[in-house]
Every structure is written in C-alpha cells, then in structure tokens.
Amino acid sequence: MPASTIANFFGANAAVLTSTTSVTASAADPALVIKYSDFSAQAWDNLTAGDETDPEKWIAAITRKIRDFSNANTDDVPNVVITDPILGLETRENTLKRRFSYSLDIYQPDSGSAAPDPDLV
C-alpha cells in the first residue's frame, strides 16, 4: 500500500507550501496555516527536512502540541483535550514498536448527536 499523503488525511485541497506564496482564503472558505517551525522548535519534536510532506508526522506533532496545551492550560477549560499517553509495545510489520495511546475528548453542549459538531465545540 502506498504511503498516505497530505490530501488523504486533510482533504483534496490540502497542500504543503515550501515557498512564499499566496493562500487564497475567504470568510466562507478560510485557511488554517500552521508553520513547520511551530513544531520543529519543540524539544520533543524536532521535525527535520523531508518530514513536511508526511501527514502522519504532522498529526503526531499536532497531537503532542494539543496534549501539551491541555496539560498547561489552567486559565480556561478547553473543549478539546488530549490526555497523557498510555504506553505499550506492539509488533507491527515484524518490528517491535512503542505505542502511544492518547485519549481525545471533545466537549460540546448536549445536542443528542452521536458525533461532535465543530460549530458547537
């Protein structure tokens, strides 16, 4: 199976920009821009050149960033919380790998819905 792409994880319009360029956005179709340096500056997550097109590395970095924010945020109660991981070991592709299992909690007013609505978070 081929490696996952940015578009597989984030949608057909997702792209990694590697030069100064314009991002077309509007109030009806805004763009979220996260600079690579926001993650690579972290002692726990030194993303390196070549990692920027790997969506799994972005997701791991985003998960750690949200977890760190959740742990440090004492002024407000966030509605999206990632807890400290539960560590484990698992064999994948004939290699023993360390597993980090995080809990992702999303809070919103009770609407009776079975899935979270980002507008209600």
PDB file of N, CA and C in Angstrom:
ATOM      1  N   MET A   1       0.849  -1.175   0.000  1.00  0.00           N
ATOM      2  CA  MET A   1       0.000   0.000   0.000  1.00  0.00           C
ATOM      3  C   MET A   1       0.895   1.239   0.000  1.00  0.00           C
ATOM      4  N   PRO A   2       0.593   2.209  -0.845  1.00  0.00           N
ATOM      5  CA  PRO A   2       1.430   3.416  -0.875  1.00  0.00           C
ATOM      6  C   PRO A   2       1.281   4.234   0.398  1.00  0.00           C
ATOM      7  N   ALA A   3       2.289   5.040   0.670  1.00  0.00           N
ATOM      8  CA  ALA A   3       2.265   5.908   1.852  1.00  0.00           C
ATOM      9  C   ALA A   3       1.124   6.910   1.749  1.00  0.00           C
ATOM     10  N   SER A   4       0.536   7.234   2.889  1.00  0.00           N
ATOM     11  CA  SER A   4      -0.535   8.228   2.932  1.00  0.00           C
ATOM     12  C   SER A   4      -0.003   9.588   2.524  1.00  0.00           C
ATOM     13  N   THR A   5      -0.878  10.399   1.962  1.00  0.00           N
ATOM     14  CA  THR A   5      -0.497  11.740   1.534  1.00  0.00           C
ATOM     15  C   THR A   5      -1.214  12.782   2.387  1.00  0.00           C
ATOM     16  N   ILE A   6      -0.766  14.001   2.270  1.00  0.00           N
ATOM     17  CA  ILE A   6      -1.425  15.115   2.955  1.00  0.00           C
ATOM     18  C   ILE A   6      -2.907  15.172   2.568  1.00  0.00           C
ATOM     19  N   ALA A   7      -3.206  14.994   1.286  1.00  0.00           N
ATOM     20  CA  ALA A   7      -4.591  15.038   0.814  1.00  0.00           C
ATOM     21  C   ALA A   7      -5.427  13.904   1.405  1.00  0.00           C
ATOM     22  N   ASN A   8      -4.820  12.709   1.592  1.00  0.00           N
ATOM     23  CA  ASN A   8      -5.562  11.599   2.214  1.00  0.00           C
ATOM     24  C   ASN A   8      -6.051  11.962   3.597  1.00  0.00           C
ATOM     25  N   PHE A   9      -5.214  12.623   4.379  1.00  0.00           N
ATOM     26  CA  PHE A   9      -5.547  12.936   5.760  1.00  0.00           C
ATOM     27  C   PHE A   9      -6.365  14.217   5.904  1.00  0.00           C
ATOM     28  N   PHE A  10      -6.052  15.234   5.112  1.00  0.00           N
ATOM     29  CA  PHE A  10      -6.613  16.564   5.349  1.00  0.00           C
ATOM     30  C   PHE A  10      -7.542  17.060   4.252  1.00  0.00           C
ATOM     31  N   GLY A  11      -7.707  16.323   3.165  1.00  0.00           N
ATOM     32  CA  GLY A  11      -8.611  16.725   2.101  1.00  0.00           C
ATOM     33  C   GLY A  11      -7.899  17.108   0.816  1.00  0.00           C
ATOM     34  N   ALA A  12      -8.652  17.092  -0.261  1.00  0.00           N
ATOM     35  CA  ALA A  12      -8.093  17.299  -1.597  1.00  0.00           C
ATOM     36  C   ALA A  12      -7.419  18.651  -1.775  1.00  0.00           C
ATOM     37  N   ASN A  13      -7.841  19.665  -1.023  1.00  0.00           N
ATOM     38  CA  ASN A  13      -7.259  21.000  -1.178  1.00  0.00           C
ATOM     39  C   ASN A  13      -6.064  21.244  -0.275  1.00  0.00           C
ATOM     40  N   ALA A  14      -5.694  20.280   0.559  1.00  0.00           N
ATOM     41  CA  ALA A  14      -4.568  20.450   1.474  1.00  0.00           C
ATOM     42  C   ALA A  14      -3.257  20.386   0.708  1.00  0.00           C
ATOM     43  N   ALA A  15      -2.316  21.214   1.102  1.00  0.00           N
ATOM     44  CA  ALA A  15      -1.016  21.245   0.439  1.00  0.00           C
ATOM     45  C   ALA A  15       0.036  21.713   1.423  1.00  0.00           C
ATOM     46  N   VAL A  16       1.259  21.296   1.180  1.00  0.00           N
ATOM     47  CA  VAL A  16       2.397  21.792   1.933  1.00  0.00           C
ATOM     48  C   VAL A  16       3.051  22.859   1.065  1.00  0.00           C
ATOM     49  N   LEU A  17       3.120  24.074   1.567  1.00  0.00           N
ATOM     50  CA  LEU A  17       3.734  25.174   0.827  1.00  0.00           C
ATOM     51  C   LEU A  17       5.199  25.261   1.219  1.00  0.00           C
ATOM     52  N   THR A  18       6.070  25.294   0.229  1.00  0.00           N
ATOM     53  CA  THR A  18       7.506  25.316   0.522  1.00  0.00           C
ATOM     54  C   THR A  18       8.191  26.585   0.035  1.00  0.00           C
ATOM     55  N   SER A  19       7.405  27.540  -0.387  1.00  0.00           N
ATOM     56  CA  SER A  19       7.973  28.832  -0.775  1.00  0.00           C
ATOM     57  C   SER A  19       6.944  29.913  -0.467  1.00  0.00           C
ATOM     58  N   THR A  20       7.379  31.151  -0.501  1.00  0.00           N
ATOM     59  CA  THR A  20       6.460  32.251  -0.265  1.00  0.00           C
ATOM     60  C   THR A  20       5.415  32.243  -1.363  1.00  0.00           C
ATOM     61  N   THR A  21       4.189  32.198  -0.953  1.00  0.00           N
ATOM     62  CA  THR A  21       3.102  32.126  -1.915  1.00  0.00           C
ATOM     63  C   THR A  21       1.851  32.705  -1.283  1.00  0.00           C
ATOM     64  N   SER A  22       0.857  32.904  -2.073  1.00  0.00           N
ATOM     65  CA  SER A  22      -0.406  33.413  -1.583  1.00  0.00           C
ATOM     66  C   SER A  22      -1.337  32.239  -1.302  1.00  0.00           C
ATOM     67  N   VAL A  23      -2.039  32.312  -0.191  1.00  0.00           N
ATOM     68  CA  VAL A  23      -3.052  31.321   0.131  1.00  0.00           C
ATOM     69  C   VAL A  23      -4.394  31.988  -0.089  1.00  0.00           C
ATOM     70  N   THR A  24      -5.184  31.448  -0.992  1.00  0.00           N
ATOM     71  CA  THR A  24      -6.489  32.016  -1.272  1.00  0.00           C
ATOM     72  C   THR A  24      -7.464  31.562  -0.195  1.00  0.00           C
ATOM     73  N   ALA A  25      -8.028  32.519   0.492  1.00  0.00           N
ATOM     74  CA  ALA A  25      -8.991  32.212   1.545  1.00  0.00           C
ATOM     75  C   ALA A  25     -10.052  33.301   1.565  1.00  0.00           C
ATOM     76  N   SER A  26     -11.175  32.975   2.162  1.00  0.00           N
ATOM     77  CA  SER A  26     -12.261  33.950   2.303  1.00  0.00           C
ATOM     78  C   SER A  26     -12.999  33.638   3.594  1.00  0.00           C
ATOM     79  N   ALA A  27     -13.931  34.499   3.952  1.00  0.00           N
ATOM     80  CA  ALA A  27     -14.720  34.261   5.152  1.00  0.00           C
ATOM     81  C   ALA A  27     -15.520  32.964   5.015  1.00  0.00           C
ATOM     82  N   ALA A  28     -15.944  32.652   3.818  1.00  0.00           N
ATOM     83  CA  ALA A  28     -16.725  31.442   3.584  1.00  0.00           C
ATOM     84  C   ALA A  28     -15.846  30.195   3.474  1.00  0.00           C
ATOM     85  N   ASP A  29     -14.565  30.382   3.145  1.00  0.00           N
ATOM     86  CA  ASP A  29     -13.646  29.254   2.977  1.00  0.00           C
ATOM     87  C   ASP A  29     -12.278  29.638   3.539  1.00  0.00           C
ATOM     88  N   PRO A  30     -12.176  29.743   4.892  1.00  0.00           N
ATOM     89  CA  PRO A  30     -10.919  30.167   5.495  1.00  0.00           C
ATOM     90  C   PRO A  30      -9.846  29.081   5.398  1.00  0.00           C
ATOM     91  N   ALA A  31      -8.613  29.469   5.640  1.00  0.00           N
ATOM     92  CA  ALA A  31      -7.487  28.532   5.607  1.00  0.00           C
ATOM     93  C   ALA A  31      -6.792  28.538   6.966  1.00  0.00           C
ATOM     94  N   LEU A  32      -6.453  27.364   7.454  1.00  0.00           N
ATOM     95  CA  LEU A  32      -5.659  27.223   8.664  1.00  0.00           C
ATOM     96  C   LEU A  32      -4.210  27.044   8.222  1.00  0.00           C
ATOM     97  N   VAL A  33      -3.330  27.896   8.727  1.00  0.00           N
ATOM     98  CA  VAL A  33      -1.926  27.808   8.368  1.00  0.00           C
ATOM     99  C   VAL A  33      -1.126  27.554   9.638  1.00  0.00           C
ATOM    100  N   ILE A  34      -0.403  26.455   9.661  1.00  0.00           N
ATOM    101  CA  ILE A  34       0.464  26.127  10.778  1.00  0.00           C
ATOM    102  C   ILE A  34       1.875  26.031  10.220  1.00  0.00           C
ATOM    103  N   LYS A  35       2.748  26.866  10.720  1.00  0.00           N
ATOM    104  CA  LYS A  35       4.123  26.848  10.217  1.00  0.00           C
ATOM    105  C   LYS A  35       4.890  25.679  10.817  1.00  0.00           C
ATOM    106  N   TYR A  36       5.698  25.078   9.988  1.00  0.00           N
ATOM    107  CA  TYR A  36       6.531  23.944  10.373  1.00  0.00           C
ATOM    108  C   TYR A  36       7.394  24.277  11.578  1.00  0.00           C
ATOM    109  N   SER A  37       7.874  25.509  11.641  1.00  0.00           N
ATOM    110  CA  SER A  37       8.746  25.920  12.742  1.00  0.00           C
ATOM    111  C   SER A  37       8.017  25.924  14.088  1.00  0.00           C
ATOM    112  N   ASP A  38       6.686  26.010  14.072  1.00  0.00           N
ATOM    113  CA  ASP A  38       5.936  25.939  15.325  1.00  0.00           C
ATOM    114  C   ASP A  38       6.095  24.584  15.999  1.00  0.00           C
ATOM    115  N   PHE A  39       6.381  23.557  15.218  1.00  0.00           N
ATOM    116  CA  PHE A  39       6.598  22.225  15.769  1.00  0.00           C
ATOM    117  C   PHE A  39       8.075  21.908  15.929  1.00  0.00           C
ATOM    118  N   SER A  40       8.889  22.279  14.959  1.00  0.00           N
ATOM    119  CA  SER A  40      10.297  21.884  14.997  1.00  0.00           C
ATOM    120  C   SER A  40      11.052  22.574  16.123  1.00  0.00           C
ATOM    121  N   ALA A  41      10.489  23.637  16.684  1.00  0.00           N
ATOM    122  CA  ALA A  41      11.155  24.332  17.791  1.00  0.00           C
ATOM    123  C   ALA A  41      10.986  23.590  19.112  1.00  0.00           C
ATOM    124  N   GLN A  42      10.085  22.629  19.162  1.00  0.00           N
ATOM    125  CA  GLN A  42       9.832  21.899  20.402  1.00  0.00           C
ATOM    126  C   GLN A  42      10.936  20.881  20.653  1.00  0.00           C
ATOM    127  N   ALA A  43      11.398  20.808  21.874  1.00  0.00           N
ATOM    128  CA  ALA A  43      12.457  19.853  22.229  1.00  0.00           C
ATOM    129  C   ALA A  43      12.010  18.420  21.984  1.00  0.00           C
ATOM    130  N   TRP A  44      10.713  18.139  22.135  1.00  0.00           N
ATOM    131  CA  TRP A  44      10.219  16.776  21.984  1.00  0.00           C
ATOM    132  C   TRP A  44       9.906  16.412  20.548  1.00  0.00           C
ATOM    133  N   ASP A  45       9.955  17.355  19.649  1.00  0.00           N
ATOM    134  CA  ASP A  45       9.517  17.051  18.287  1.00  0.00           C
ATOM    135  C   ASP A  45      10.335  17.816  17.278  1.00  0.00           C
ATOM    136  N   ASN A  46      11.536  17.384  17.050  1.00  0.00           N
ATOM    137  CA  ASN A  46      12.388  18.047  16.080  1.00  0.00           C
ATOM    138  C   ASN A  46      12.132  17.492  14.689  1.00  0.00           C
ATOM    139  N   LEU A  47      11.076  17.987  14.058  1.00  0.00           N
ATOM    140  CA  LEU A  47      10.804  17.591  12.681  1.00  0.00           C
ATOM    141  C   LEU A  47      11.976  18.029  11.821  1.00  0.00           C
ATOM    142  N   THR A  48      12.345  17.201  10.897  1.00  0.00           N
ATOM    143  CA  THR A  48      13.504  17.503  10.064  1.00  0.00           C
ATOM    144  C   THR A  48      13.104  17.648   8.611  1.00  0.00           C
ATOM    145  N   ALA A  49      13.997  18.176   7.817  1.00  0.00           N
ATOM    146  CA  ALA A  49      13.740  18.358   6.392  1.00  0.00           C
ATOM    147  C   ALA A  49      13.324  17.020   5.784  1.00  0.00           C
ATOM    148  N   GLY A  50      12.313  17.062   4.967  1.00  0.00           N
ATOM    149  CA  GLY A  50      11.782  15.851   4.361  1.00  0.00           C
ATOM    150  C   GLY A  50      10.550  15.332   5.079  1.00  0.00           C
ATOM    151  N   ASP A  51      10.352  15.740   6.332  1.00  0.00           N
ATOM    152  CA  ASP A  51       9.192  15.297   7.101  1.00  0.00           C
ATOM    153  C   ASP A  51       7.922  16.062   6.729  1.00  0.00           C
ATOM    154  N   GLU A  52       8.083  17.233   6.135  1.00  0.00           N
ATOM    155  CA  GLU A  52       6.942  18.124   5.982  1.00  0.00           C
ATOM    156  C   GLU A  52       5.838  17.571   5.072  1.00  0.00           C
ATOM    157  N   THR A  53       6.121  16.599   4.226  1.00  0.00           N
ATOM    158  CA  THR A  53       5.070  16.049   3.369  1.00  0.00           C
ATOM    159  C   THR A  53       4.487  14.755   3.922  1.00  0.00           C
ATOM    160  N   ASP A  54       4.907  14.345   5.108  1.00  0.00           N
ATOM    161  CA  ASP A  54       4.400  13.115   5.722  1.00  0.00           C
ATOM    162  C   ASP A  54       3.262  13.475   6.672  1.00  0.00           C
ATOM    163  N   PRO A  55       2.009  13.162   6.320  1.00  0.00           N
ATOM    164  CA  PRO A  55       0.878  13.571   7.154  1.00  0.00           C
ATOM    165  C   PRO A  55       0.903  12.943   8.539  1.00  0.00           C
ATOM    166  N   GLU A  56       1.456  11.755   8.679  1.00  0.00           N
ATOM    167  CA  GLU A  56       1.493  11.126   9.994  1.00  0.00           C
ATOM    168  C   GLU A  56       2.419  11.871  10.942  1.00  0.00           C
ATOM    169  N   LYS A  57       3.489  12.459  10.433  1.00  0.00           N
ATOM    170  CA  LYS A  57       4.388  13.258  11.272  1.00  0.00           C
ATOM    171  C   LYS A  57       3.685  14.540  11.721  1.00  0.00           C
ATOM    172  N   TRP A  58       2.905  15.164  10.821  1.00  0.00           N
ATOM    173  CA  TRP A  58       2.129  16.349  11.186  1.00  0.00           C
ATOM    174  C   TRP A  58       1.117  16.006  12.282  1.00  0.00           C
ATOM    175  N   ILE A  59       0.403  14.876  12.117  1.00  0.00           N
ATOM    176  CA  ILE A  59      -0.615  14.501  13.095  1.00  0.00           C
ATOM    177  C   ILE A  59       0.022  14.208  14.446  1.00  0.00           C
ATOM    178  N   ALA A  60       1.163  13.516  14.448  1.00  0.00           N
ATOM    179  CA  ALA A  60       1.854  13.241  15.714  1.00  0.00           C
ATOM    180  C   ALA A  60       2.272  14.546  16.384  1.00  0.00           C
ATOM    181  N   ALA A  61       2.775  15.502  15.593  1.00  0.00           N
ATOM    182  CA  ALA A  61       3.192  16.794  16.153  1.00  0.00           C
ATOM    183  C   ALA A  61       1.996  17.580  16.674  1.00  0.00           C
ATOM    184  N   ILE A  62       0.896  17.582  15.937  1.00  0.00           N
ATOM    185  CA  ILE A  62      -0.308  18.283  16.371  1.00  0.00           C
ATOM    186  C   ILE A  62      -0.851  17.652  17.655  1.00  0.00           C
ATOM    187  N   THR A  63      -0.852  16.329  17.725  1.00  0.00           N
ATOM    188  CA  THR A  63      -1.320  15.627  18.924  1.00  0.00           C
ATOM    189  C   THR A  63      -0.503  16.038  20.140  1.00  0.00           C
ATOM    190  N   ARG A  64       0.819  16.041  19.986  1.00  0.00           N
ATOM    191  CA  ARG A  64       1.681  16.430  21.113  1.00  0.00           C
ATOM    192  C   ARG A  64       1.443  17.879  21.506  1.00  0.00           C
ATOM    193  N   LYS A  65       1.280  18.756  20.514  1.00  0.00           N
ATOM    194  CA  LYS A  65       1.058  20.177  20.794  1.00  0.00           C
ATOM    195  C   LYS A  65      -0.247  20.377  21.570  1.00  0.00           C
ATOM    196  N   ILE A  66      -1.325  19.703  21.158  1.00  0.00           N
ATOM    197  CA  ILE A  66      -2.606  19.818  21.856  1.00  0.00           C
ATOM    198  C   ILE A  66      -2.501  19.215  23.248  1.00  0.00           C
ATOM    199  N   ARG A  67      -1.814  18.084  23.387  1.00  0.00           N
ATOM    200  CA  ARG A  67      -1.636  17.457  24.699  1.00  0.00           C
ATOM    201  C   ARG A  67      -0.894  18.398  25.634  1.00  0.00           C
ATOM    202  N   ASP A  68       0.183  19.014  25.154  1.00  0.00           N
ATOM    203  CA  ASP A  68       0.942  19.944  25.984  1.00  0.00           C
ATOM    204  C   ASP A  68       0.093  21.150  26.374  1.00  0.00           C
ATOM    205  N   PHE A  69      -0.718  21.660  25.440  1.00  0.00           N
ATOM    206  CA  PHE A  69      -1.610  22.777  25.734  1.00  0.00           C
ATOM    207  C   PHE A  69      -2.646  22.355  26.782  1.00  0.00           C
ATOM    208  N   SER A  70      -3.224  21.164  26.615  1.00  0.00           N
ATOM    209  CA  SER A  70      -4.221  20.660  27.567  1.00  0.00           C
ATOM    210  C   SER A  70      -3.646  20.585  28.976  1.00  0.00           C
ATOM    211  N   ASN A  71      -2.411  20.124  29.093  1.00  0.00           N
ATOM    212  CA  ASN A  71      -1.778  19.989  30.408  1.00  0.00           C
ATOM    213  C   ASN A  71      -1.441  21.339  31.028  1.00  0.00           C
ATOM    214  N   ALA A  72      -1.077  22.310  30.213  1.00  0.00           N
ATOM    215  CA  ALA A  72      -0.609  23.599  30.721  1.00  0.00           C
ATOM    216  C   ALA A  72      -1.724  24.620  30.909  1.00  0.00           C
ATOM    217  N   ASN A  73      -2.865  24.416  30.286  1.00  0.00           N
ATOM    218  CA  ASN A  73      -3.937  25.405  30.302  1.00  0.00           C
ATOM    219  C   ASN A  73      -4.695  25.344  31.624  1.00  0.00           C
ATOM    220  N   THR A  74      -4.363  26.248  32.528  1.00  0.00           N
ATOM    221  CA  THR A  74      -5.044  26.299  33.821  1.00  0.00           C
ATOM    222  C   THR A  74      -5.988  27.488  33.930  1.00  0.00           C
ATOM    223  N   ASP A  75      -5.982  28.377  32.940  1.00  0.00           N
ATOM    224  CA  ASP A  75      -6.818  29.568  32.983  1.00  0.00           C
ATOM    225  C   ASP A  75      -8.224  29.332  32.441  1.00  0.00           C
ATOM    226  N   ASP A  76      -8.374  28.322  31.612  1.00  0.00           N
ATOM    227  CA  ASP A  76      -9.648  28.080  30.952  1.00  0.00           C
ATOM    228  C   ASP A  76      -9.843  26.568  30.858  1.00  0.00           C
ATOM    229  N   VAL A  77     -11.046  26.146  30.606  1.00  0.00           N
ATOM    230  CA  VAL A  77     -11.323  24.725  30.422  1.00  0.00           C
ATOM    231  C   VAL A  77     -11.486  24.486  28.921  1.00  0.00           C
ATOM    232  N   PRO A  78     -10.479  23.873  28.285  1.00  0.00           N
ATOM    233  CA  PRO A  78     -10.591  23.665  26.840  1.00  0.00           C
ATOM    234  C   PRO A  78     -11.658  22.622  26.515  1.00  0.00           C
ATOM    235  N   ASN A  79     -12.253  22.745  25.349  1.00  0.00           N
ATOM    236  CA  ASN A  79     -13.277  21.807  24.898  1.00  0.00           C
ATOM    237  C   ASN A  79     -12.705  20.684  24.051  1.00  0.00           C
ATOM    238  N   VAL A  80     -11.432  20.771  23.700  1.00  0.00           N
ATOM    239  CA  VAL A  80     -10.736  19.685  23.026  1.00  0.00           C
ATOM    240  C   VAL A  80      -9.515  19.367  23.875  1.00  0.00           C
ATOM    241  N   VAL A  81      -9.473  18.139  24.397  1.00  0.00           N
ATOM    242  CA  VAL A  81      -8.424  17.747  25.329  1.00  0.00           C
ATOM    243  C   VAL A  81      -7.811  16.428  24.874  1.00  0.00           C
ATOM    244  N   ILE A  82      -6.501  16.384  24.835  1.00  0.00           N
ATOM    245  CA  ILE A  82      -5.780  15.138  24.606  1.00  0.00           C
ATOM    246  C   ILE A  82      -5.013  14.841  25.885  1.00  0.00           C
ATOM    247  N   THR A  83      -5.229  13.649  26.418  1.00  0.00           N
ATOM    248  CA  THR A  83      -4.619  13.273  27.691  1.00  0.00           C
ATOM    249  C   THR A  83      -3.226  12.688  27.485  1.00  0.00           C
ATOM    250  N   ASP A  84      -2.495  12.524  28.592  1.00  0.00           N
ATOM    251  CA  ASP A  84      -1.188  11.878  28.533  1.00  0.00           C
ATOM    252  C   ASP A  84      -1.348  10.475  27.955  1.00  0.00           C
ATOM    253  N   PRO A  85      -0.353  10.018  27.200  1.00  0.00           N
ATOM    254  CA  PRO A  85      -0.491   8.714  26.554  1.00  0.00           C
ATOM    255  C   PRO A  85      -0.334   7.547  27.523  1.00  0.00           C
ATOM    256  N   ILE A  86      -0.953   6.450  27.148  1.00  0.00           N
ATOM    257  CA  ILE A  86      -0.704   5.162  27.791  1.00  0.00           C
ATOM    258  C   ILE A  86       0.306   4.460  26.892  1.00  0.00           C
ATOM    259  N   LEU A  87       1.427   4.059  27.464  1.00  0.00           N
ATOM    260  CA  LEU A  87       2.492   3.461  26.681  1.00  0.00           C
ATOM    261  C   LEU A  87       2.317   1.956  26.575  1.00  0.00           C
ATOM    262  N   GLY A  88       2.747   1.411  25.459  1.00  0.00           N
ATOM    263  CA  GLY A  88       2.699  -0.030  25.259  1.00  0.00           C
ATOM    264  C   GLY A  88       3.730  -0.435  24.225  1.00  0.00           C
ATOM    265  N   LEU A  89       3.863  -1.712  24.030  1.00  0.00           N
ATOM    266  CA  LEU A  89       4.727  -2.269  22.994  1.00  0.00           C
ATOM    267  C   LEU A  89       3.877  -3.161  22.114  1.00  0.00           C
ATOM    268  N   GLU A  90       4.122  -3.094  20.814  1.00  0.00           N
ATOM    269  CA  GLU A  90       3.331  -3.872  19.870  1.00  0.00           C
ATOM    270  C   GLU A  90       4.190  -4.204  18.671  1.00  0.00           C
ATOM    271  N   THR A  91       4.012  -5.388  18.132  1.00  0.00           N
ATOM    272  CA  THR A  91       4.738  -5.768  16.927  1.00  0.00           C
ATOM    273  C   THR A  91       3.924  -5.350  15.711  1.00  0.00           C
ATOM    274  N   ARG A  92       4.530  -4.537  14.885  1.00  0.00           N
ATOM    275  CA  ARG A  92       3.925  -4.084  13.623  1.00  0.00           C
ATOM    276  C   ARG A  92       4.955  -4.260  12.532  1.00  0.00           C
ATOM    277  N   GLU A  93       4.550  -4.885  11.433  1.00  0.00           N
ATOM    278  CA  GLU A  93       5.458  -5.136  10.311  1.00  0.00           C
ATOM    279  C   GLU A  93       6.711  -5.869  10.794  1.00  0.00           C
ATOM    280  N   ASN A  94       6.506  -6.841  11.669  1.00  0.00           N
ATOM    281  CA  ASN A  94       7.588  -7.673  12.208  1.00  0.00           C
ATOM    282  C   ASN A  94       8.626  -6.886  12.995  1.00  0.00           C
ATOM    283  N   THR A  95       8.250  -5.709  13.487  1.00  0.00           N
ATOM    284  CA  THR A  95       9.160  -4.886  14.280  1.00  0.00           C
ATOM    285  C   THR A  95       8.455  -4.495  15.575  1.00  0.00           C
ATOM    286  N   LEU A  96       9.167  -4.656  16.692  1.00  0.00           N
ATOM    287  CA  LEU A  96       8.611  -4.230  17.969  1.00  0.00           C
ATOM    288  C   LEU A  96       8.628  -2.709  18.027  1.00  0.00           C
ATOM    289  N   LYS A  97       7.464  -2.118  18.237  1.00  0.00           N
ATOM    290  CA  LYS A  97       7.354  -0.660  18.249  1.00  0.00           C
ATOM    291  C   LYS A  97       6.677  -0.202  19.530  1.00  0.00           C
ATOM    292  N   ARG A  98       7.061   0.997  19.972  1.00  0.00           N
ATOM    293  CA  ARG A  98       6.427   1.597  21.134  1.00  0.00           C
ATOM    294  C   ARG A  98       5.120   2.241  20.677  1.00  0.00           C
ATOM    295  N   ARG A  99       4.046   1.990  21.434  1.00  0.00           N
ATOM    296  CA  ARG A  99       2.731   2.542  21.117  1.00  0.00           C
ATOM    297  C   ARG A  99       2.392   3.623  22.136  1.00  0.00           C
ATOM    298  N   PHE A 100       1.889   4.742  21.650  1.00  0.00           N
ATOM    299  CA  PHE A 100       1.425   5.837  22.485  1.00  0.00           C
ATOM    300  C   PHE A 100      -0.078   5.964  22.236  1.00  0.00           C
ATOM    301  N   SER A 101      -0.882   5.565  23.199  1.00  0.00           N
ATOM    302  CA  SER A 101      -2.336   5.634  23.049  1.00  0.00           C
ATOM    303  C   SER A 101      -2.845   6.856  23.801  1.00  0.00           C
ATOM    304  N   TYR A 102      -3.369   7.811  23.034  1.00  0.00           N
ATOM    305  CA  TYR A 102      -3.897   9.053  23.603  1.00  0.00           C
ATOM    306  C   TYR A 102      -5.419   8.987  23.632  1.00  0.00           C
ATOM    307  N   SER A 103      -5.997   9.664  24.600  1.00  0.00           N
ATOM    308  CA  SER A 103      -7.439   9.842  24.641  1.00  0.00           C
ATOM    309  C   SER A 103      -7.738  11.250  24.148  1.00  0.00           C
ATOM    310  N   LEU A 104      -8.614  11.359  23.169  1.00  0.00           N
ATOM    311  CA  LEU A 104      -9.048  12.655  22.646  1.00  0.00           C
ATOM    312  C   LEU A 104     -10.486  12.867  23.091  1.00  0.00           C
ATOM    313  N   ASP A 105     -10.715  13.908  23.891  1.00  0.00           N
ATOM    314  CA  ASP A 105     -12.053  14.235  24.368  1.00  0.00           C
ATOM    315  C   ASP A 105     -12.491  15.560  23.768  1.00  0.00           C
ATOM    316  N   ILE A 106     -13.696  15.568  23.221  1.00  0.00           N
ATOM    317  CA  ILE A 106     -14.283  16.784  22.656  1.00  0.00           C
ATOM    318  C   ILE A 106     -15.578  17.053  23.415  1.00  0.00           C
ATOM    319  N   TYR A 107     -15.681  18.269  23.968  1.00  0.00           N
ATOM    320  CA  TYR A 107     -16.850  18.641  24.760  1.00  0.00           C
ATOM    321  C   TYR A 107     -17.691  19.655  23.994  1.00  0.00           C
ATOM    322  N   GLN A 108     -19.008  19.469  24.050  1.00  0.00           N
ATOM    323  CA  GLN A 108     -19.950  20.414  23.461  1.00  0.00           C
ATOM    324  C   GLN A 108     -21.258  20.299  24.211  1.00  0.00           C
ATOM    325  N   PRO A 109     -22.131  21.298  24.093  1.00  0.00           N
ATOM    326  CA  PRO A 109     -23.443  21.183  24.736  1.00  0.00           C
ATOM    327  C   PRO A 109     -24.172  19.934  24.231  1.00  0.00           C
ATOM    328  N   ASP A 110     -24.967  19.347  25.078  1.00  0.00           N
ATOM    329  CA  ASP A 110     -25.672  18.115  24.722  1.00  0.00           C
ATOM    330  C   ASP A 110     -26.720  18.403  23.657  1.00  0.00           C
ATOM    331  N   SER A 111     -26.486  17.883  22.458  1.00  0.00           N
ATOM    332  CA  SER A 111     -27.423  18.076  21.356  1.00  0.00           C
ATOM    333  C   SER A 111     -28.095  16.775  20.965  1.00  0.00           C
ATOM    334  N   GLY A 112     -27.691  15.675  21.613  1.00  0.00           N
ATOM    335  CA  GLY A 112     -28.246  14.374  21.268  1.00  0.00           C
ATOM    336  C   GLY A 112     -27.545  13.731  20.086  1.00  0.00           C
ATOM    337  N   SER A 113     -26.580  14.428  19.501  1.00  0.00           N
ATOM    338  CA  SER A 113     -25.878  13.919  18.333  1.00  0.00           C
ATOM    339  C   SER A 113     -24.900  12.817  18.721  1.00  0.00           C
ATOM    340  N   ALA A 114     -24.691  11.864  17.816  1.00  0.00           N
ATOM    341  CA  ALA A 114     -23.746  10.777  18.052  1.00  0.00           C
ATOM    342  C   ALA A 114     -22.321  11.169  17.661  1.00  0.00           C
ATOM    343  N   ALA A 115     -22.152  12.290  16.983  1.00  0.00           N
ATOM    344  CA  ALA A 115     -20.830  12.740  16.557  1.00  0.00           C
ATOM    345  C   ALA A 115     -20.672  14.214  16.912  1.00  0.00           C
ATOM    346  N   PRO A 116     -19.440  14.644  17.216  1.00  0.00           N
ATOM    347  CA  PRO A 116     -19.254  16.056  17.578  1.00  0.00           C
ATOM    348  C   PRO A 116     -19.501  16.986  16.391  1.00  0.00           C
ATOM    349  N   ASP A 117     -20.064  18.128  16.682  1.00  0.00           N
ATOM    350  CA  ASP A 117     -20.287  19.173  15.688  1.00  0.00           C
ATOM    351  C   ASP A 117     -19.292  20.273  15.987  1.00  0.00           C
ATOM    352  N   PRO A 118     -18.325  20.534  15.092  1.00  0.00           N
ATOM    353  CA  PRO A 118     -17.324  21.567  15.371  1.00  0.00           C
ATOM    354  C   PRO A 118     -17.917  22.933  15.680  1.00  0.00           C
ATOM    355  N   ASP A 119     -19.112  23.212  15.170  1.00  0.00           N
ATOM    356  CA  ASP A 119     -19.740  24.508  15.460  1.00  0.00           C
ATOM    357  C   ASP A 119     -20.184  24.624  16.919  1.00  0.00           C
ATOM    358  N   LEU A 120     -20.337  23.491  17.616  1.00  0.00           N
ATOM    359  CA  LEU A 120     -20.820  23.510  18.985  1.00  0.00           C
ATOM    360  C   LEU A 120     -19.714  23.382  20.014  1.00  0.00           C
ATOM    361  N   VAL A 121     -18.484  23.110  19.581  1.00  0.00           N
ATOM    362  CA  VAL A 121     -17.358  22.924  20.498  1.00  0.00           C
ATOM    363  C   VAL A 121     -17.048  24.237  21.168  1.00  0.00           C
TER     364      VAL A 121
END
